[in-house]
């Protein structure tokens, strides 16, 4: 459908590809890009298509629905679900040759039965909990992994865990997790269970912990141009892929004492030129940006006044010359010589860049450039 509202997210696939090549320079492992949550809000189908052109064959998602959607477009893809899947959906997993993570014996039993039923082999990856504390086999139930290795039509292709503090200045706990992972793997090898693919490294660990470079790594946020921790600085070589833009829908001047928005939270102290933008918190512009957040217009910063509405927001453009209805406004991205990143917005509202970009809603069209 044609974009009927002047609000859009611009996705630069050229930058995405350059970011991927940059990540490749940090690791010799096979790279499994994480494209969960619609590729962190960038559009999973187009992101996968672009990275396939770079030679990527394996991708990671969080839920089964995401894998099935991508299989419709790319049936040949190797797709791994790195989140829980319920045993009752095992036949769907086997039929579509999707790789699940397994952290309970019950999952493996159901997958084995489905594989036998369809006369197929099911590849799976064992999730071990080395200290994240979410899901995964603990070292105390090590024998359960051996049981799974002996189930009919089951191939344990991989084993992995997730780093809890690889984005922290102190890597001591990450080293403890690494040691636990190594210990579990060594015990499996000693028991005759050889698992060919190991993976621990997320974005932070790829950049900071070359000692955990196994057969596979899982870049997420860094692929989209953001660093998982500020202490790395700007020299990594990646750039943000996404920009969020809109256009001015209305202009007016209000007098001293007049108000803007719900609750009259902004009262003009002097005659103020106000621009209304057709974007709001239903699009992903955080309500926390009310009365103080900034956007870019003609290379200058304009302050949000009043409360961010569901579908609209107002900005003060008094000090910006030659403003007209239809002028482009940048919420996230570059405009003139200035730039506002998702990290900047995250800092302002007290969250992380991941949440900002993932929360750009589906009603905002994604426009792809390269």
Protein backbone atom coordinates (compact mmCIF):
# COMPACT_ATOMS: atom_id res chain seq x y z
CA UNK A 1 0.00 0.00 0.00
CA UNK A 2 1.16 3.52 -0.77
CA UNK A 3 2.42 5.46 2.24
CA UNK A 4 -0.48 7.84 2.94
CA UNK A 5 1.12 9.56 5.92
CA UNK A 6 4.46 11.40 5.90
CA UNK A 7 6.12 9.14 8.48
CA UNK A 8 8.68 6.51 7.55
CA UNK A 9 11.72 4.59 8.71
CA UNK A 10 14.57 4.61 6.21
CA UNK A 11 16.71 1.47 6.24
CA UNK A 12 20.11 1.73 4.54
CA UNK A 13 20.97 -1.78 3.37
CA UNK A 14 24.36 -0.60 2.16
CA UNK A 15 25.29 0.34 5.73
CA UNK A 16 23.90 -2.99 6.95
CA UNK A 17 26.21 -4.86 4.59
CA UNK A 18 29.19 -2.76 5.62
CA UNK A 19 28.41 -3.46 9.27
CA UNK A 20 28.36 -7.18 8.51
CA UNK A 21 31.76 -6.97 6.83
CA UNK A 22 33.06 -5.06 9.81
CA UNK A 23 31.89 -7.82 12.17
CA UNK A 24 33.62 -10.36 9.94
CA UNK A 25 36.90 -8.58 10.61
CA UNK A 26 36.53 -9.34 14.33
CA UNK A 27 35.88 -13.08 14.09
CA UNK A 28 36.76 -16.19 12.13
CA UNK A 29 33.58 -17.93 13.31
CA UNK A 30 30.59 -18.53 11.10
CA UNK A 31 28.28 -15.57 11.65
CA UNK A 32 24.62 -16.21 12.46
CA UNK A 33 22.94 -12.77 12.33
CA UNK A 34 20.13 -12.37 14.81
CA UNK A 35 17.00 -11.12 13.03
CA UNK A 36 14.48 -11.54 15.84
CA UNK A 37 11.83 -8.89 16.54
CA UNK A 38 11.57 -8.17 12.80
CA UNK A 39 15.35 -7.70 12.67
CA UNK A 40 15.30 -5.28 15.61
CA UNK A 41 12.61 -3.26 13.85
CA UNK A 42 14.46 -3.03 10.53
CA UNK A 43 12.34 -5.58 8.62
CA UNK A 44 13.52 -9.18 8.78
CA UNK A 45 12.71 -10.17 5.20
CA UNK A 46 14.72 -7.36 3.60
CA UNK A 47 17.55 -7.67 6.12
CA UNK A 48 17.84 -11.40 5.42
CA UNK A 49 17.71 -10.80 1.67
CA UNK A 50 20.54 -8.25 1.92
CA UNK A 51 22.72 -10.47 4.12
CA UNK A 52 22.12 -13.50 1.94
CA UNK A 53 23.76 -11.51 -0.86
CA UNK A 54 26.83 -11.32 1.43
CA UNK A 55 26.93 -15.10 1.67
CA UNK A 56 25.13 -15.60 4.99
CA UNK A 57 23.33 -18.94 5.17
CA UNK A 58 22.21 -19.20 8.81
CA UNK A 59 20.03 -16.81 10.81
CA UNK A 60 18.68 -16.72 14.34
CA UNK A 61 15.20 -15.71 15.47
CA UNK A 62 13.47 -15.71 18.85
CA UNK A 63 10.13 -17.42 18.22
CA UNK A 64 8.77 -20.08 15.91
CA UNK A 65 6.42 -17.64 14.14
CA UNK A 66 9.41 -15.57 13.03
CA UNK A 67 11.10 -18.63 11.57
CA UNK A 68 7.98 -19.72 9.70
CA UNK A 69 7.54 -16.26 8.19
CA UNK A 70 11.11 -16.26 6.86
CA UNK A 71 10.74 -19.81 5.55
CA UNK A 72 7.91 -18.57 3.32
CA UNK A 73 10.32 -16.23 1.58
CA UNK A 74 13.54 -18.25 1.88
CA UNK A 75 12.75 -21.98 2.18
CA UNK A 76 16.44 -22.87 1.82
CA UNK A 77 17.56 -20.87 4.89
CA UNK A 78 19.11 -22.49 7.92
CA UNK A 79 17.01 -20.98 10.69
CA UNK A 80 17.48 -21.40 14.40
CA UNK A 81 14.95 -20.44 17.07
CA UNK A 82 16.93 -19.16 20.05
CA UNK A 83 13.91 -18.94 22.31
CA UNK A 84 11.58 -21.53 23.86
CA UNK A 85 9.37 -23.66 21.64
CA UNK A 86 6.60 -25.76 23.17
CA UNK A 87 6.68 -29.55 22.67
CA UNK A 88 3.24 -29.52 21.00
CA UNK A 89 4.70 -27.67 18.01
CA UNK A 90 7.44 -30.20 17.37
CA UNK A 91 5.84 -31.51 14.17
CA UNK A 92 5.85 -28.00 12.69
CA UNK A 93 9.53 -27.65 13.58
CA UNK A 94 10.46 -30.97 12.00
CA UNK A 95 8.32 -30.50 8.88
CA UNK A 96 9.88 -27.09 8.20
CA UNK A 97 13.41 -28.20 9.09
CA UNK A 98 13.83 -25.46 11.67
CA UNK A 99 16.53 -25.82 14.33
CA UNK A 100 15.14 -25.41 17.86
CA UNK A 101 16.96 -24.77 21.09
CA UNK A 102 16.33 -27.52 23.64
CA UNK A 103 16.60 -27.01 27.40
CA UNK A 104 14.15 -29.65 28.66
CA UNK A 105 14.05 -33.38 28.06
CA UNK A 106 10.32 -33.12 27.24
CA UNK A 107 11.11 -30.96 24.22
CA UNK A 108 13.59 -33.49 22.88
CA UNK A 109 11.17 -36.39 23.38
CA UNK A 110 8.50 -34.61 21.35
CA UNK A 111 10.97 -33.65 18.63
CA UNK A 112 12.25 -37.21 18.40
CA UNK A 113 8.71 -38.59 18.04
CA UNK A 114 7.92 -36.06 15.32
CA UNK A 115 11.12 -36.86 13.46
CA UNK A 116 10.40 -40.59 13.57
CA UNK A 117 6.84 -39.96 12.37
CA UNK A 118 8.05 -38.02 9.32
CA UNK A 119 11.10 -40.23 8.80
CA UNK A 120 13.36 -37.21 9.14
CA UNK A 121 16.30 -36.17 11.28
CA UNK A 122 15.83 -33.17 13.55
CA UNK A 123 18.81 -30.93 14.19
CA UNK A 124 18.79 -29.13 17.51
CA UNK A 125 21.04 -27.03 19.72
CA UNK A 126 21.32 -27.67 23.43
CA UNK A 127 20.94 -24.55 25.58
CA UNK A 128 22.95 -24.61 28.79
CA UNK A 129 22.57 -22.09 31.60
CA UNK A 130 26.05 -20.99 32.61
CA UNK A 131 24.86 -18.02 34.63
CA UNK A 132 22.28 -16.00 32.73
CA UNK A 133 19.59 -17.58 34.89
CA UNK A 134 16.83 -17.70 32.28
CA UNK A 135 16.60 -21.10 30.59
CA UNK A 136 19.00 -23.91 29.88
CA UNK A 137 20.32 -27.17 31.30
CA UNK A 138 22.37 -26.65 34.45
CA UNK A 139 25.54 -28.63 34.96
CA UNK A 140 23.76 -30.64 37.68
CA UNK A 141 21.47 -32.25 35.06
CA UNK A 142 24.29 -33.01 32.64
CA UNK A 143 22.97 -36.59 32.21
CA UNK A 144 19.83 -35.26 30.52
CA UNK A 145 21.92 -34.08 27.57
CA UNK A 146 23.36 -37.57 27.20
CA UNK A 147 19.81 -38.98 27.15
CA UNK A 148 18.87 -36.60 24.37
CA UNK A 149 21.91 -37.63 22.32
CA UNK A 150 20.62 -41.20 22.34
CA UNK A 151 17.09 -40.43 21.14
CA UNK A 152 16.08 -41.71 17.70
CA UNK A 153 16.34 -39.34 14.72
CA UNK A 154 17.89 -36.59 16.86
CA UNK A 155 21.10 -34.82 15.88
CA UNK A 156 22.62 -32.50 18.45
CA UNK A 157 24.24 -30.09 16.02
CA UNK A 158 25.11 -27.41 18.53
CA UNK A 159 25.48 -26.40 22.14
CA UNK A 160 25.42 -22.85 23.41
CA UNK A 161 24.87 -20.43 26.23
CA UNK A 162 24.28 -16.70 26.64
CA UNK A 163 26.61 -14.18 28.23
CA UNK A 164 25.04 -12.09 31.00
CA UNK A 165 27.73 -9.43 31.46
CA UNK A 166 29.84 -9.30 28.29
CA UNK A 167 28.76 -5.66 27.96
CA UNK A 168 30.07 -4.81 31.44
CA UNK A 169 33.39 -3.12 32.20
CA UNK A 170 34.17 -6.07 34.48
CA UNK A 171 34.46 -9.32 32.52
CA UNK A 172 35.11 -11.54 35.53
CA UNK A 173 31.62 -13.10 35.48
CA UNK A 174 31.89 -13.65 31.73
CA UNK A 175 35.08 -15.62 32.29
CA UNK A 176 33.26 -17.71 34.92
CA UNK A 177 30.50 -18.45 32.40
CA UNK A 178 33.09 -19.40 29.81
CA UNK A 179 34.74 -21.81 32.25
CA UNK A 180 31.40 -23.44 33.06
CA UNK A 181 30.64 -23.86 29.37
CA UNK A 182 34.04 -25.42 28.73
CA UNK A 183 33.57 -27.80 31.65
CA UNK A 184 30.17 -28.99 30.44
CA UNK A 185 31.47 -29.49 26.90
CA UNK A 186 34.51 -31.44 28.14
CA UNK A 187 32.28 -33.74 30.20
CA UNK A 188 30.12 -34.43 27.15
CA UNK A 189 33.17 -35.20 25.04
CA UNK A 190 34.42 -37.58 27.72
CA UNK A 191 31.01 -39.29 27.71
CA UNK A 192 31.27 -39.81 23.94
CA UNK A 193 28.87 -37.03 22.95
CA UNK A 194 30.56 -34.91 20.30
CA UNK A 195 28.74 -31.71 19.35
CA UNK A 196 30.25 -30.00 16.31
CA UNK A 197 29.01 -26.42 16.80
CA UNK A 198 29.56 -24.31 19.91
CA UNK A 199 28.50 -20.70 20.36
CA UNK A 200 28.72 -18.21 23.21
CA UNK A 201 29.54 -14.88 21.59
CA UNK A 202 26.87 -12.20 21.32
CA UNK A 203 27.63 -8.70 20.01
CA UNK A 204 29.63 -7.65 23.06
CA UNK A 205 31.64 -10.85 23.27
CA UNK A 206 32.50 -10.80 19.55
CA UNK A 207 34.09 -7.40 20.05
CA UNK A 208 35.71 -8.02 23.44
CA UNK A 209 36.33 -11.71 24.08
CA UNK A 210 38.19 -13.42 21.22
CA UNK A 211 38.93 -16.32 23.57
CA UNK A 212 35.34 -17.53 23.18
CA UNK A 213 35.52 -17.64 19.41
CA UNK A 214 33.95 -21.00 18.68
CA UNK A 215 32.41 -22.37 15.50
CA UNK A 216 29.54 -19.87 15.48
CA UNK A 217 28.78 -16.38 16.80
CA UNK A 218 25.55 -14.41 17.13
CA UNK A 219 25.77 -10.66 16.37
CA UNK A 220 22.61 -8.73 17.15
CA UNK A 221 22.57 -5.01 17.97
CA UNK A 222 26.03 -4.35 16.51
CA UNK A 223 24.81 -5.50 13.11
CA UNK A 224 22.31 -2.64 13.12
CA UNK A 225 24.97 -0.09 14.02
CA UNK A 226 24.78 0.24 17.78
CA UNK A 227 27.30 -0.81 20.40
CA UNK A 228 26.22 -3.00 23.31
CA UNK A 229 28.33 -0.85 25.65
CA UNK A 230 29.63 2.71 25.55
CA UNK A 231 33.09 1.85 26.81
CA UNK A 232 33.99 0.50 23.37
CA UNK A 233 33.92 4.03 21.97
CA UNK A 234 33.20 5.04 18.37
CA UNK A 235 36.07 3.21 16.66
CA UNK A 236 34.44 -0.18 16.07
CA UNK A 237 33.45 0.78 12.53
CA UNK A 238 29.68 0.23 12.47
CA UNK A 239 27.00 2.83 11.72
CA UNK A 240 23.28 3.00 12.48
CA UNK A 241 21.21 1.47 9.68
CA UNK A 242 17.84 3.04 10.53
CA UNK A 243 16.57 6.62 10.36
CA UNK A 244 13.10 7.70 11.49
CA UNK A 245 11.60 10.67 9.65
CA UNK A 246 8.42 12.69 9.25
CA UNK A 247 7.22 15.98 7.75
CA UNK A 248 5.60 19.05 9.26
CA UNK A 249 1.81 18.83 8.99
CA UNK A 250 0.84 22.20 10.46
CA UNK A 251 2.35 25.51 11.58
CA UNK A 252 0.96 28.19 13.89
CA UNK A 253 2.11 30.84 16.32
CA UNK A 254 0.77 30.89 19.88
CA UNK A 255 0.90 33.85 22.23
CA UNK A 256 2.37 34.11 25.70
CA UNK A 257 0.18 32.20 28.16
CA UNK A 258 -1.34 29.87 25.58
CA UNK A 259 -0.85 26.13 25.95
CA UNK A 260 0.06 23.12 23.83
CA UNK A 261 -1.14 19.53 24.22
CA UNK A 262 -2.90 17.37 26.79
CA UNK A 263 -2.98 18.64 30.35
CA UNK A 264 -1.64 22.06 29.29
CA UNK A 265 1.80 20.85 30.39
CA UNK A 266 3.43 23.48 28.15
CA UNK A 267 2.51 27.15 28.62
CA UNK A 268 4.23 29.61 26.29
CA UNK A 269 6.45 32.17 28.02
CA UNK A 270 6.67 34.22 24.81
CA UNK A 271 5.14 34.12 21.30
CA UNK A 272 6.09 30.66 20.04
CA UNK A 273 6.04 29.18 16.56
CA UNK A 274 4.75 25.61 16.81
CA UNK A 275 5.05 22.83 14.22
CA UNK A 276 2.84 19.76 14.48
CA UNK A 277 4.29 16.44 13.34
CA UNK A 278 2.08 13.44 12.45
CA UNK A 279 3.99 10.96 14.61
CA UNK A 280 3.40 9.83 18.19
CA UNK A 281 3.89 7.14 20.76
CA UNK A 282 1.86 4.64 18.72
CA UNK A 283 4.67 4.90 16.16
CA UNK A 284 7.46 4.45 18.68
CA UNK A 285 8.19 8.04 19.69
CA UNK A 286 8.45 7.60 23.44
CA UNK A 287 6.05 9.61 25.60
CA UNK A 288 9.01 10.25 27.89
CA UNK A 289 10.20 12.70 25.20
CA UNK A 290 7.43 15.12 26.19
CA UNK A 291 8.53 18.67 27.01
CA UNK A 292 12.23 18.41 26.31
CA UNK A 293 13.12 15.74 23.77
CA UNK A 294 14.75 16.96 20.58
CA UNK A 295 14.33 16.39 16.83
CA UNK A 296 16.23 17.77 13.84
CA UNK A 297 14.91 20.30 11.32
CA UNK A 298 17.10 22.03 8.72
CA UNK A 299 20.18 20.77 10.56
CA UNK A 300 19.09 22.37 13.84
CA UNK A 301 17.58 21.00 17.02
CA UNK A 302 13.94 21.68 17.82
CA UNK A 303 12.49 20.87 21.23
CA UNK A 304 9.32 18.85 21.75
CA UNK A 305 6.72 20.91 23.64
CA UNK A 306 3.68 19.51 25.34
CA UNK A 307 3.01 15.82 25.80
CA UNK A 308 3.72 13.37 23.00
CA UNK A 309 0.30 12.22 21.76
CA UNK A 310 -0.58 8.82 20.33
CA UNK A 311 -0.42 10.09 16.74
CA UNK A 312 1.04 13.61 16.87
CA UNK A 313 3.70 15.71 18.57
CA UNK A 314 4.44 19.42 18.63
CA UNK A 315 7.84 21.12 18.41
CA UNK A 316 9.09 24.66 19.01
CA UNK A 317 10.51 26.07 15.74
CA UNK A 318 10.64 29.73 16.82
CA UNK A 319 14.42 30.00 16.32
CA UNK A 320 14.55 28.15 12.99
CA UNK A 321 14.21 30.25 9.85
CA UNK A 322 12.13 29.54 6.73
CA UNK A 323 10.11 26.69 8.16
CA UNK A 324 7.23 25.45 5.98
CA UNK A 325 4.56 22.77 6.04
CA UNK A 326 6.05 19.69 4.38
CA UNK A 327 9.61 20.24 5.65
CA UNK A 328 11.35 17.00 6.58
CA UNK A 329 12.03 16.38 10.28
CA UNK A 330 14.41 13.72 11.55
CA UNK A 331 13.51 11.88 14.75
CA UNK A 332 16.43 9.43 14.54
CA UNK A 333 19.27 9.89 12.08
CA UNK A 334 21.30 12.60 10.35
CA UNK A 335 19.95 15.98 9.29
CA UNK A 336 22.30 18.63 7.99
CA UNK A 337 25.46 18.47 10.07
CA UNK A 338 23.77 17.05 13.17
CA UNK A 339 22.64 13.59 14.20
CA UNK A 340 20.34 12.07 16.82
CA UNK A 341 20.82 8.35 17.37
CA UNK A 342 18.61 5.77 19.01
CA UNK A 343 21.29 5.73 21.72
CA UNK A 344 20.76 9.46 22.30
CA UNK A 345 17.01 8.95 22.60
CA UNK A 346 17.56 5.97 24.89
CA UNK A 347 19.80 8.01 27.17
CA UNK A 348 17.15 10.73 27.38
CA UNK A 349 14.32 8.38 28.38
CA UNK A 350 16.42 6.03 30.50
CA UNK A 351 16.46 2.87 28.42
CA UNK A 352 18.66 1.16 25.80
CA UNK A 353 18.94 1.57 22.04
CA UNK A 354 17.54 -1.94 21.52
CA UNK A 355 14.18 -0.90 22.95
CA UNK A 356 14.00 2.31 20.94
CA UNK A 357 14.46 0.66 17.54
CA UNK A 358 12.41 -2.44 18.34
CA UNK A 359 9.48 -0.24 19.41
CA UNK A 360 9.12 1.56 16.09
CA UNK A 361 5.71 0.17 15.28
CA UNK A 362 4.46 -1.76 12.28
CA UNK A 363 2.37 1.16 11.12
CA UNK A 364 5.57 3.03 10.25
CA UNK A 365 6.51 1.97 6.69
CA UNK A 366 10.09 0.79 6.15
CA UNK A 367 11.70 2.37 3.09
CA UNK A 368 14.83 0.58 1.84
CA UNK A 369 17.76 2.36 0.25
CA UNK A 370 21.27 1.27 -0.69
